[in-house]
Every structure is written in C-alpha cells, then in structure tokens.
N, C-alpha and C. Protein backbone atom coordinates (compact mmCIF):
# COMPACT_ATOMS: atom_id res chain seq x y z
N UNK A 1 -37.25 -31.36 29.79
CA UNK A 1 -36.25 -30.98 30.38
C UNK A 1 -36.37 -29.54 31.12
N UNK A 2 -36.89 -28.60 30.37
CA UNK A 2 -37.35 -27.27 30.72
C UNK A 2 -38.20 -27.24 31.99
N UNK A 3 -39.20 -28.31 31.83
CA UNK A 3 -40.32 -28.12 32.93
C UNK A 3 -39.45 -28.69 34.31
N UNK A 4 -38.70 -29.75 34.27
CA UNK A 4 -37.68 -30.09 35.41
C UNK A 4 -37.16 -28.85 36.05
N UNK A 5 -36.49 -28.21 35.08
CA UNK A 5 -35.86 -26.90 35.75
C UNK A 5 -36.63 -25.92 36.27
N UNK A 6 -37.90 -25.69 35.88
CA UNK A 6 -38.86 -24.95 36.35
C UNK A 6 -39.43 -25.30 37.65
N UNK A 7 -39.64 -26.60 37.70
CA UNK A 7 -39.86 -27.17 39.01
C UNK A 7 -39.05 -27.27 39.97
N UNK A 8 -37.59 -27.36 39.59
CA UNK A 8 -36.55 -27.42 40.61
C UNK A 8 -36.26 -26.12 41.19
N UNK A 9 -36.40 -25.01 40.23
CA UNK A 9 -36.30 -23.65 40.95
C UNK A 9 -37.37 -23.25 41.90
N UNK A 10 -38.77 -23.78 41.63
CA UNK A 10 -39.75 -23.53 42.44
C UNK A 10 -39.45 -24.04 43.85
N UNK A 11 -39.06 -25.42 43.72
CA UNK A 11 -38.74 -26.04 45.04
C UNK A 11 -37.59 -25.41 45.76
N UNK A 12 -36.83 -25.07 45.02
CA UNK A 12 -35.63 -24.40 45.54
C UNK A 12 -36.03 -23.12 46.17
N UNK A 13 -36.77 -22.27 45.53
CA UNK A 13 -37.32 -21.07 46.25
C UNK A 13 -38.19 -21.43 47.38
N UNK A 14 -39.04 -22.21 47.23
CA UNK A 14 -39.94 -22.66 48.69
C UNK A 14 -39.20 -23.15 49.52
N UNK A 15 -38.08 -23.98 49.40
CA UNK A 15 -37.43 -24.57 50.67
C UNK A 15 -36.51 -23.62 51.12
N UNK A 16 -35.81 -22.60 50.45
CA UNK A 16 -35.28 -21.50 51.05
C UNK A 16 -36.01 -20.39 51.65
N UNK A 17 -37.12 -20.25 51.13
CA UNK A 17 -38.30 -19.40 51.73
C UNK A 17 -38.73 -19.90 53.13
N UNK A 18 -39.13 -21.10 53.10
CA UNK A 18 -39.49 -21.74 54.29
C UNK A 18 -38.54 -21.97 55.35
N UNK A 19 -37.15 -22.20 54.79
CA UNK A 19 -35.96 -22.21 55.68
C UNK A 19 -35.69 -21.13 56.37
N UNK A 20 -35.88 -19.95 55.88
CA UNK A 20 -35.91 -18.70 56.49
C UNK A 20 -36.91 -18.51 57.53
N UNK A 21 -38.27 -18.92 57.13
CA UNK A 21 -39.17 -18.43 58.24
C UNK A 21 -39.39 -19.33 59.04
N UNK A 22 -38.92 -20.61 59.17
CA UNK A 22 -39.19 -21.43 60.49
C UNK A 22 -38.38 -21.19 61.63
N UNK A 23 -37.01 -20.69 61.34
CA UNK A 23 -36.06 -20.18 62.47
C UNK A 23 -36.90 -18.99 63.15
N UNK A 24 -37.25 -18.12 62.25
CA UNK A 24 -38.21 -16.82 62.81
C UNK A 24 -39.26 -17.41 63.84
N UNK A 25 -39.95 -18.32 63.38
CA UNK A 25 -41.13 -18.76 63.96
C UNK A 25 -40.52 -19.40 65.47
N UNK A 26 -39.35 -20.04 65.36
CA UNK A 26 -38.70 -20.85 66.41
C UNK A 26 -38.40 -19.53 67.46
N UNK A 27 -37.85 -18.53 67.10
CA UNK A 27 -37.17 -17.61 68.07
C UNK A 27 -38.32 -16.64 68.70
N UNK A 28 -39.48 -16.60 68.05
CA UNK A 28 -40.65 -16.00 68.85
C UNK A 28 -41.39 -16.91 69.38
N UNK A 29 -41.11 -18.32 69.77
CA UNK A 29 -41.85 -19.06 70.31
C UNK A 29 -42.97 -19.96 69.73
N UNK A 30 -43.17 -20.00 68.58
CA UNK A 30 -44.25 -20.54 67.93
C UNK A 30 -43.88 -22.10 67.64
N UNK A 31 -42.74 -22.47 67.61
CA UNK A 31 -42.42 -23.92 67.47
C UNK A 31 -42.03 -24.52 68.86
N UNK A 32 -42.49 -23.89 69.91
CA UNK A 32 -42.36 -24.65 71.24
C UNK A 32 -41.43 -23.70 72.27
N UNK A 33 -41.37 -23.89 73.39
CA UNK A 33 -40.66 -23.11 74.47
C UNK A 33 -39.02 -23.61 74.50
N UNK A 34 -38.29 -22.76 75.24
CA UNK A 34 -37.10 -23.19 75.32
C UNK A 34 -36.96 -24.51 76.01
N UNK A 35 -36.18 -25.47 75.62
CA UNK A 35 -35.99 -27.04 76.18
C UNK A 35 -36.98 -27.82 75.56
N UNK A 36 -38.02 -27.63 74.64
CA UNK A 36 -39.03 -28.11 74.39
C UNK A 36 -38.59 -29.05 72.91
N UNK A 37 -37.46 -28.75 72.64
CA UNK A 37 -36.90 -29.35 71.25
C UNK A 37 -36.68 -28.18 70.27
N UNK A 38 -37.31 -27.03 70.61
CA UNK A 38 -36.96 -25.90 69.63
C UNK A 38 -35.63 -25.41 70.00
N UNK A 39 -35.10 -24.77 68.75
CA UNK A 39 -33.78 -24.33 68.91
C UNK A 39 -33.32 -23.46 70.02
N UNK A 40 -34.38 -22.24 69.93
CA UNK A 40 -34.32 -21.25 70.85
C UNK A 40 -35.70 -21.24 71.80
N UNK A 41 -36.61 -21.19 71.06
CA UNK A 41 -37.93 -21.01 71.87
C UNK A 41 -38.54 -19.65 72.28
N UNK A 42 -37.61 -18.68 72.35
CA UNK A 42 -38.01 -17.32 72.64
C UNK A 42 -36.70 -16.56 72.31
N UNK A 43 -37.22 -15.14 72.26
CA UNK A 43 -36.25 -14.12 71.90
C UNK A 43 -34.90 -14.24 72.56
N UNK A 44 -35.08 -14.16 74.02
CA UNK A 44 -33.93 -14.11 74.87
C UNK A 44 -32.86 -15.17 74.55
N UNK A 45 -33.29 -16.35 74.15
CA UNK A 45 -32.25 -17.54 73.87
C UNK A 45 -31.81 -17.16 72.61
N UNK A 46 -32.49 -16.75 71.46
CA UNK A 46 -31.86 -16.41 70.47
C UNK A 46 -30.83 -15.21 70.43
N UNK A 47 -31.15 -14.26 71.14
CA UNK A 47 -30.26 -13.15 71.40
C UNK A 47 -28.78 -13.85 71.92
N UNK A 48 -29.07 -14.55 72.90
CA UNK A 48 -27.88 -15.19 73.60
C UNK A 48 -27.07 -16.12 72.62
N UNK A 49 -27.77 -16.77 71.68
CA UNK A 49 -27.01 -17.54 70.42
C UNK A 49 -26.33 -16.42 69.57
N UNK A 50 -27.23 -15.37 69.15
CA UNK A 50 -26.47 -14.36 68.36
C UNK A 50 -25.28 -13.82 69.05
N UNK A 51 -25.34 -13.53 70.40
CA UNK A 51 -24.13 -12.98 71.00
C UNK A 51 -22.84 -14.06 70.90
N UNK A 52 -23.30 -15.40 71.04
CA UNK A 52 -22.15 -16.48 70.54
C UNK A 52 -21.57 -16.36 69.29
N UNK A 53 -22.27 -16.11 68.37
CA UNK A 53 -21.62 -15.88 67.04
C UNK A 53 -20.95 -14.50 66.99
N UNK A 54 -21.26 -13.60 67.65
CA UNK A 54 -20.43 -12.39 67.39
C UNK A 54 -20.21 -12.07 68.86
N UNK A 55 -19.10 -12.76 69.57
CA UNK A 55 -18.86 -12.39 70.89
C UNK A 55 -18.13 -11.19 71.38
N UNK A 56 -17.61 -10.45 70.29
CA UNK A 56 -17.03 -9.13 70.35
C UNK A 56 -17.85 -8.08 70.71
N UNK A 57 -19.16 -8.29 70.41
CA UNK A 57 -20.21 -7.21 70.91
C UNK A 57 -21.14 -7.26 72.30
N UNK A 58 -21.70 -6.22 72.67
CA UNK A 58 -22.45 -6.22 73.76
C UNK A 58 -23.74 -6.94 73.63
N UNK A 59 -24.42 -7.23 74.59
CA UNK A 59 -25.88 -7.85 74.66
C UNK A 59 -26.65 -7.04 73.78
N UNK A 60 -26.58 -5.54 74.01
CA UNK A 60 -27.37 -4.54 73.27
C UNK A 60 -27.30 -4.73 71.84
N UNK A 61 -26.04 -4.86 71.42
CA UNK A 61 -25.73 -4.88 69.81
C UNK A 61 -26.11 -6.06 69.35
N UNK A 62 -25.91 -7.28 70.14
CA UNK A 62 -26.41 -8.54 69.73
C UNK A 62 -27.78 -8.49 69.53
N UNK A 63 -28.69 -7.73 70.41
CA UNK A 63 -29.88 -7.65 70.40
C UNK A 63 -30.34 -7.05 68.94
N UNK A 64 -29.86 -5.94 68.57
CA UNK A 64 -29.98 -5.29 67.50
C UNK A 64 -29.67 -5.94 66.21
N UNK A 65 -28.49 -6.64 66.12
CA UNK A 65 -28.29 -7.54 65.22
C UNK A 65 -29.11 -8.77 65.07
N UNK A 66 -29.68 -9.31 66.13
CA UNK A 66 -30.85 -10.24 66.06
C UNK A 66 -32.01 -9.60 65.38
N UNK A 67 -32.53 -8.59 65.76
CA UNK A 67 -33.64 -7.90 65.00
C UNK A 67 -33.17 -7.55 63.46
N UNK A 68 -32.25 -7.22 63.16
CA UNK A 68 -31.86 -7.18 61.74
C UNK A 68 -31.87 -8.15 61.11
N UNK A 69 -31.28 -9.40 61.66
CA UNK A 69 -31.35 -10.71 60.76
C UNK A 69 -32.79 -11.25 60.70
N UNK A 70 -33.59 -11.18 61.88
CA UNK A 70 -34.75 -11.45 61.76
C UNK A 70 -35.70 -10.91 60.83
N UNK A 71 -35.52 -9.62 60.49
CA UNK A 71 -36.16 -8.86 59.44
C UNK A 71 -35.77 -9.38 58.08
N UNK A 72 -34.55 -9.51 58.03
CA UNK A 72 -33.90 -10.08 56.85
C UNK A 72 -34.52 -11.22 56.42
N UNK A 73 -34.52 -12.11 57.20
CA UNK A 73 -35.07 -13.43 57.05
C UNK A 73 -36.61 -13.53 56.58
N UNK A 74 -37.33 -12.57 57.45
CA UNK A 74 -38.74 -12.63 57.16
C UNK A 74 -38.80 -12.13 55.64
N UNK A 75 -38.14 -11.07 55.45
CA UNK A 75 -38.26 -10.45 53.89
C UNK A 75 -37.78 -11.42 52.95
N UNK A 76 -36.72 -12.08 53.11
CA UNK A 76 -36.19 -13.07 52.10
C UNK A 76 -37.07 -14.03 52.17
N UNK A 77 -37.39 -14.89 53.29
CA UNK A 77 -38.69 -15.84 53.15
C UNK A 77 -39.70 -15.56 52.40
N UNK A 78 -40.44 -14.49 52.68
CA UNK A 78 -41.56 -14.14 51.84
C UNK A 78 -41.50 -13.77 50.49
N UNK A 79 -40.57 -13.01 49.98
CA UNK A 79 -40.00 -12.70 48.74
C UNK A 79 -39.70 -13.95 47.90
N UNK A 80 -39.05 -14.75 48.47
CA UNK A 80 -38.47 -15.87 47.72
C UNK A 80 -39.71 -16.93 47.52
N UNK A 81 -40.56 -17.00 48.45
CA UNK A 81 -41.86 -17.84 48.15
C UNK A 81 -42.75 -17.39 47.20
N UNK A 82 -43.00 -15.97 47.44
CA UNK A 82 -43.98 -15.47 46.27
C UNK A 82 -43.26 -15.23 44.75
N UNK A 83 -41.85 -15.10 44.93
CA UNK A 83 -40.98 -14.92 43.72
C UNK A 83 -41.01 -13.36 43.27
N UNK A 84 -40.67 -12.58 44.13
CA UNK A 84 -40.60 -11.18 43.72
C UNK A 84 -39.03 -10.84 44.10
N UNK A 85 -38.60 -10.25 42.82
CA UNK A 85 -37.25 -9.75 42.68
C UNK A 85 -36.17 -10.74 43.24
N UNK A 86 -36.48 -11.79 42.80
CA UNK A 86 -35.64 -13.20 43.18
C UNK A 86 -34.11 -13.07 42.99
N UNK A 87 -33.62 -12.51 41.93
CA UNK A 87 -32.20 -12.45 41.93
C UNK A 87 -31.80 -11.57 43.04
N UNK A 88 -32.01 -10.49 43.23
CA UNK A 88 -31.52 -9.53 44.32
C UNK A 88 -31.69 -10.33 45.74
N UNK A 89 -32.92 -10.80 45.93
CA UNK A 89 -33.41 -11.35 47.24
C UNK A 89 -32.31 -12.67 47.51
N UNK A 90 -32.13 -13.45 46.49
CA UNK A 90 -31.35 -14.55 46.62
C UNK A 90 -29.82 -14.39 46.83
N UNK A 91 -29.38 -13.27 46.26
CA UNK A 91 -27.92 -12.59 46.60
C UNK A 91 -27.97 -12.33 48.15
N UNK A 92 -28.89 -11.33 48.49
CA UNK A 92 -28.94 -11.17 49.98
C UNK A 92 -29.04 -12.26 50.70
N UNK A 93 -29.80 -13.32 50.45
CA UNK A 93 -29.92 -14.52 51.20
C UNK A 93 -28.69 -15.18 51.30
N UNK A 94 -27.89 -15.38 50.12
CA UNK A 94 -26.65 -16.01 50.07
C UNK A 94 -25.55 -15.21 51.07
N UNK A 95 -25.53 -14.14 50.88
CA UNK A 95 -24.64 -13.11 51.73
C UNK A 95 -24.98 -13.44 53.28
N UNK A 96 -26.34 -13.26 53.74
CA UNK A 96 -26.65 -13.45 55.14
C UNK A 96 -26.13 -14.78 55.54
N UNK A 97 -26.70 -15.81 54.67
CA UNK A 97 -26.28 -17.31 55.34
C UNK A 97 -24.57 -17.59 55.27
N UNK A 98 -23.80 -16.85 54.32
CA UNK A 98 -22.45 -17.11 54.12
C UNK A 98 -21.68 -16.42 55.55
N UNK A 99 -22.30 -15.16 55.66
CA UNK A 99 -21.81 -14.49 57.08
C UNK A 99 -22.15 -15.53 58.39
N UNK A 100 -23.32 -15.86 58.37
CA UNK A 100 -23.87 -16.81 59.37
C UNK A 100 -22.81 -17.77 59.49
N UNK A 101 -22.67 -18.61 58.44
CA UNK A 101 -21.83 -19.91 58.51
C UNK A 101 -20.46 -19.60 58.87
N UNK A 102 -19.81 -18.29 58.38
CA UNK A 102 -18.43 -18.05 58.93
C UNK A 102 -18.40 -17.75 60.22
N UNK A 103 -19.33 -17.05 60.93
CA UNK A 103 -19.35 -16.79 62.32
C UNK A 103 -19.72 -17.89 63.08
N UNK A 104 -20.49 -18.96 62.67
CA UNK A 104 -20.38 -20.22 63.29
C UNK A 104 -19.28 -20.98 63.19
N UNK A 105 -18.53 -21.03 62.10
CA UNK A 105 -17.18 -21.69 62.16
C UNK A 105 -16.32 -21.03 62.93
N UNK A 106 -16.07 -19.80 62.93
CA UNK A 106 -15.02 -19.15 63.52
C UNK A 106 -15.36 -19.08 65.07
N UNK A 107 -16.57 -18.93 65.71
CA UNK A 107 -16.66 -18.49 67.03
C UNK A 107 -17.48 -19.75 67.70
N UNK A 108 -17.77 -20.72 67.14
CA UNK A 108 -18.36 -21.96 67.55
C UNK A 108 -17.42 -23.09 67.41
N UNK A 109 -17.54 -23.69 66.07
CA UNK A 109 -16.50 -24.57 65.76
C UNK A 109 -16.77 -24.86 64.23
N UNK A 110 -15.44 -25.36 63.57
CA UNK A 110 -15.64 -25.48 62.00
C UNK A 110 -16.94 -26.34 61.76
N UNK A 111 -17.18 -27.38 62.59
CA UNK A 111 -18.17 -28.37 62.25
C UNK A 111 -19.68 -27.71 62.48
N UNK A 112 -19.66 -26.45 63.10
CA UNK A 112 -21.18 -26.05 63.45
C UNK A 112 -21.89 -25.85 62.04
N UNK A 113 -21.39 -25.03 61.13
CA UNK A 113 -22.00 -24.77 59.97
C UNK A 113 -22.32 -25.90 59.24
N UNK A 114 -21.74 -27.05 59.30
CA UNK A 114 -21.98 -28.31 58.66
C UNK A 114 -22.71 -29.21 59.28
N UNK A 115 -23.06 -28.85 60.59
CA UNK A 115 -24.26 -29.73 61.26
C UNK A 115 -25.64 -29.30 60.85
N UNK A 116 -25.81 -28.17 60.14
CA UNK A 116 -26.78 -27.60 59.46
C UNK A 116 -26.54 -27.17 58.07
N UNK A 117 -27.63 -27.13 57.60
CA UNK A 117 -27.17 -26.77 55.93
C UNK A 117 -26.74 -25.27 55.64
N UNK A 118 -25.95 -24.56 56.46
CA UNK A 118 -25.87 -23.31 56.26
C UNK A 118 -25.04 -23.02 54.81
N UNK A 119 -24.10 -23.72 54.45
CA UNK A 119 -23.48 -23.51 53.19
C UNK A 119 -24.21 -23.98 51.90
N UNK A 120 -25.17 -24.93 52.17
CA UNK A 120 -25.95 -25.62 51.22
C UNK A 120 -27.05 -24.43 50.89
N UNK A 121 -27.39 -23.60 51.93
CA UNK A 121 -28.44 -22.35 51.91
C UNK A 121 -27.61 -21.40 50.89
N UNK A 122 -26.26 -21.11 51.27
CA UNK A 122 -25.61 -20.20 50.70
C UNK A 122 -25.64 -20.60 49.02
N UNK A 123 -24.92 -21.79 48.90
CA UNK A 123 -24.99 -22.17 47.47
C UNK A 123 -26.21 -21.89 46.70
N UNK A 124 -27.35 -22.51 47.32
CA UNK A 124 -28.46 -22.44 46.66
C UNK A 124 -28.90 -21.36 46.34
N UNK A 125 -28.82 -20.35 47.39
CA UNK A 125 -29.22 -18.84 46.94
C UNK A 125 -28.48 -18.38 45.90
N UNK A 126 -27.13 -18.76 45.94
CA UNK A 126 -26.30 -18.13 44.67
C UNK A 126 -26.86 -18.77 43.44
N UNK A 127 -26.98 -20.17 43.32
CA UNK A 127 -27.44 -20.59 42.12
C UNK A 127 -28.79 -19.97 41.78
N UNK A 128 -29.81 -19.91 42.72
CA UNK A 128 -31.08 -19.37 42.31
C UNK A 128 -30.90 -18.09 41.77
N UNK A 129 -29.87 -17.14 42.16
CA UNK A 129 -29.70 -15.58 41.83
C UNK A 129 -29.35 -15.77 40.16
N UNK A 130 -28.59 -16.97 39.88
CA UNK A 130 -28.10 -16.76 38.55
C UNK A 130 -28.90 -17.38 37.69
N UNK A 131 -30.08 -17.91 37.69
CA UNK A 131 -31.16 -18.20 36.94
C UNK A 131 -31.72 -17.27 36.39
N UNK A 132 -31.88 -17.48 34.78
CA UNK A 132 -32.47 -16.44 33.98
C UNK A 132 -34.09 -16.52 34.03
N UNK A 133 -34.78 -17.61 34.48
CA UNK A 133 -35.98 -17.68 34.40
C UNK A 133 -36.66 -18.14 35.68
N UNK A 134 -37.70 -17.63 36.49
CA UNK A 134 -38.08 -17.98 37.61
C UNK A 134 -39.62 -18.50 37.48
N UNK A 135 -40.03 -19.71 36.99
CA UNK A 135 -41.34 -19.87 36.77
C UNK A 135 -42.27 -19.71 38.03
N UNK A 136 -43.59 -19.58 37.74
CA UNK A 136 -44.56 -19.48 38.99
C UNK A 136 -44.09 -18.37 39.91
N UNK A 137 -43.86 -17.23 39.48
CA UNK A 137 -43.34 -16.19 40.29
C UNK A 137 -43.94 -14.98 40.02
N UNK A 138 -43.93 -14.09 40.92
CA UNK A 138 -44.31 -12.57 40.55
C UNK A 138 -43.34 -12.01 39.38
N UNK A 139 -42.16 -12.27 39.48
CA UNK A 139 -41.17 -11.89 38.56
C UNK A 139 -41.64 -12.41 37.32
N UNK A 140 -41.94 -13.63 36.97
CA UNK A 140 -42.12 -14.14 35.71
C UNK A 140 -43.44 -13.57 35.10
N UNK A 141 -44.54 -13.20 36.04
CA UNK A 141 -45.73 -12.71 35.59
C UNK A 141 -45.28 -11.13 34.90
N UNK A 142 -44.60 -10.43 35.96
CA UNK A 142 -44.13 -9.02 35.46
C UNK A 142 -43.53 -9.17 34.06
N UNK A 143 -42.63 -10.08 33.81
CA UNK A 143 -41.89 -10.19 32.46
C UNK A 143 -42.73 -10.63 31.45
N UNK A 144 -43.82 -11.39 31.73
CA UNK A 144 -44.69 -11.79 30.70
C UNK A 144 -45.75 -10.66 30.31
N UNK A 145 -46.04 -9.74 31.37
CA UNK A 145 -46.93 -8.36 30.91
C UNK A 145 -45.98 -7.43 30.06
N UNK A 146 -44.79 -7.43 30.44
CA UNK A 146 -44.00 -6.57 29.74
C UNK A 146 -43.60 -6.94 28.38
N UNK A 147 -43.61 -8.31 28.09
CA UNK A 147 -43.43 -8.74 26.72
C UNK A 147 -44.70 -8.75 25.81
N UNK A 148 -45.98 -8.52 26.28
CA UNK A 148 -46.91 -8.46 25.57
C UNK A 148 -47.14 -7.02 24.66
C-alpha cells in the first residue's frame, strides 16, 4: 500500500505541475494561435480574460496581475514536477487556484470553475501539502541526506 501512495503523490505532483505549465504555454502562443483551439493563443487574449476575472481593475493592472499569475504558475509547475519545497508550493498553488475559481464563479458564472477542474486543483494541492512524504522528489533526497 505504501508504494501505491508514493506513486499517487508522484502522479498528483506531475499532473498539477503540467496543469500549471500548459496554460502558460497557451498564453504565450506555444499551443496555437487565437481561434485555433487554444484557450487564449497569445498574451493579449490572456490579459483580456484576466480582466474579465477582475473587472474592477484597469487593463494595465490586469496585465500586471497576468504577469504575477504567470510567474507563479511557472514556479509552481516546475517546483511540483521536480519536488522541491512541495508543502509550501502546494499551499501556494491551492491558494492561487482557489482565488482563480472564486473570481470565475463571481465574475463569469457559478458554473465556470466547474467546467474546468479549478477546485479539483485546489483540493489536490491542499491534499499534497498535507502529505508527510513525497517520494521521488528533491525534498525526499534532502531528507535522506539529513538522516544519514
């Protein structure tokens, strides 16, 4: 059973990590251009979407918030995949997706965050943060070195 839990947390880390990196790739145009099936396809469309989620701010503030969200998603994605500071990163990821889901629900529709697994990401991140051991991670290698 211990191996199943270890595999499960690894798959959860990888899914969350990739789940943060793919939207970043979309908004910088790596997954197709606008209208090609990509959600945004470029930065301009992503900032417009961000401004829909926080309509009480100006375009310039929405652009800054887009940059902050993108940096956070890159950092969270990479650190979850390699397994570094998992507890802290997972808490940050959970908070980010929770706020994102709330904004979707308030400013788009209550159905919007459920059309995508936004709150599943939130719950998964918080569950991951509560685990005591994260196999196949930099964190577990560091703990093993300290215990020798």
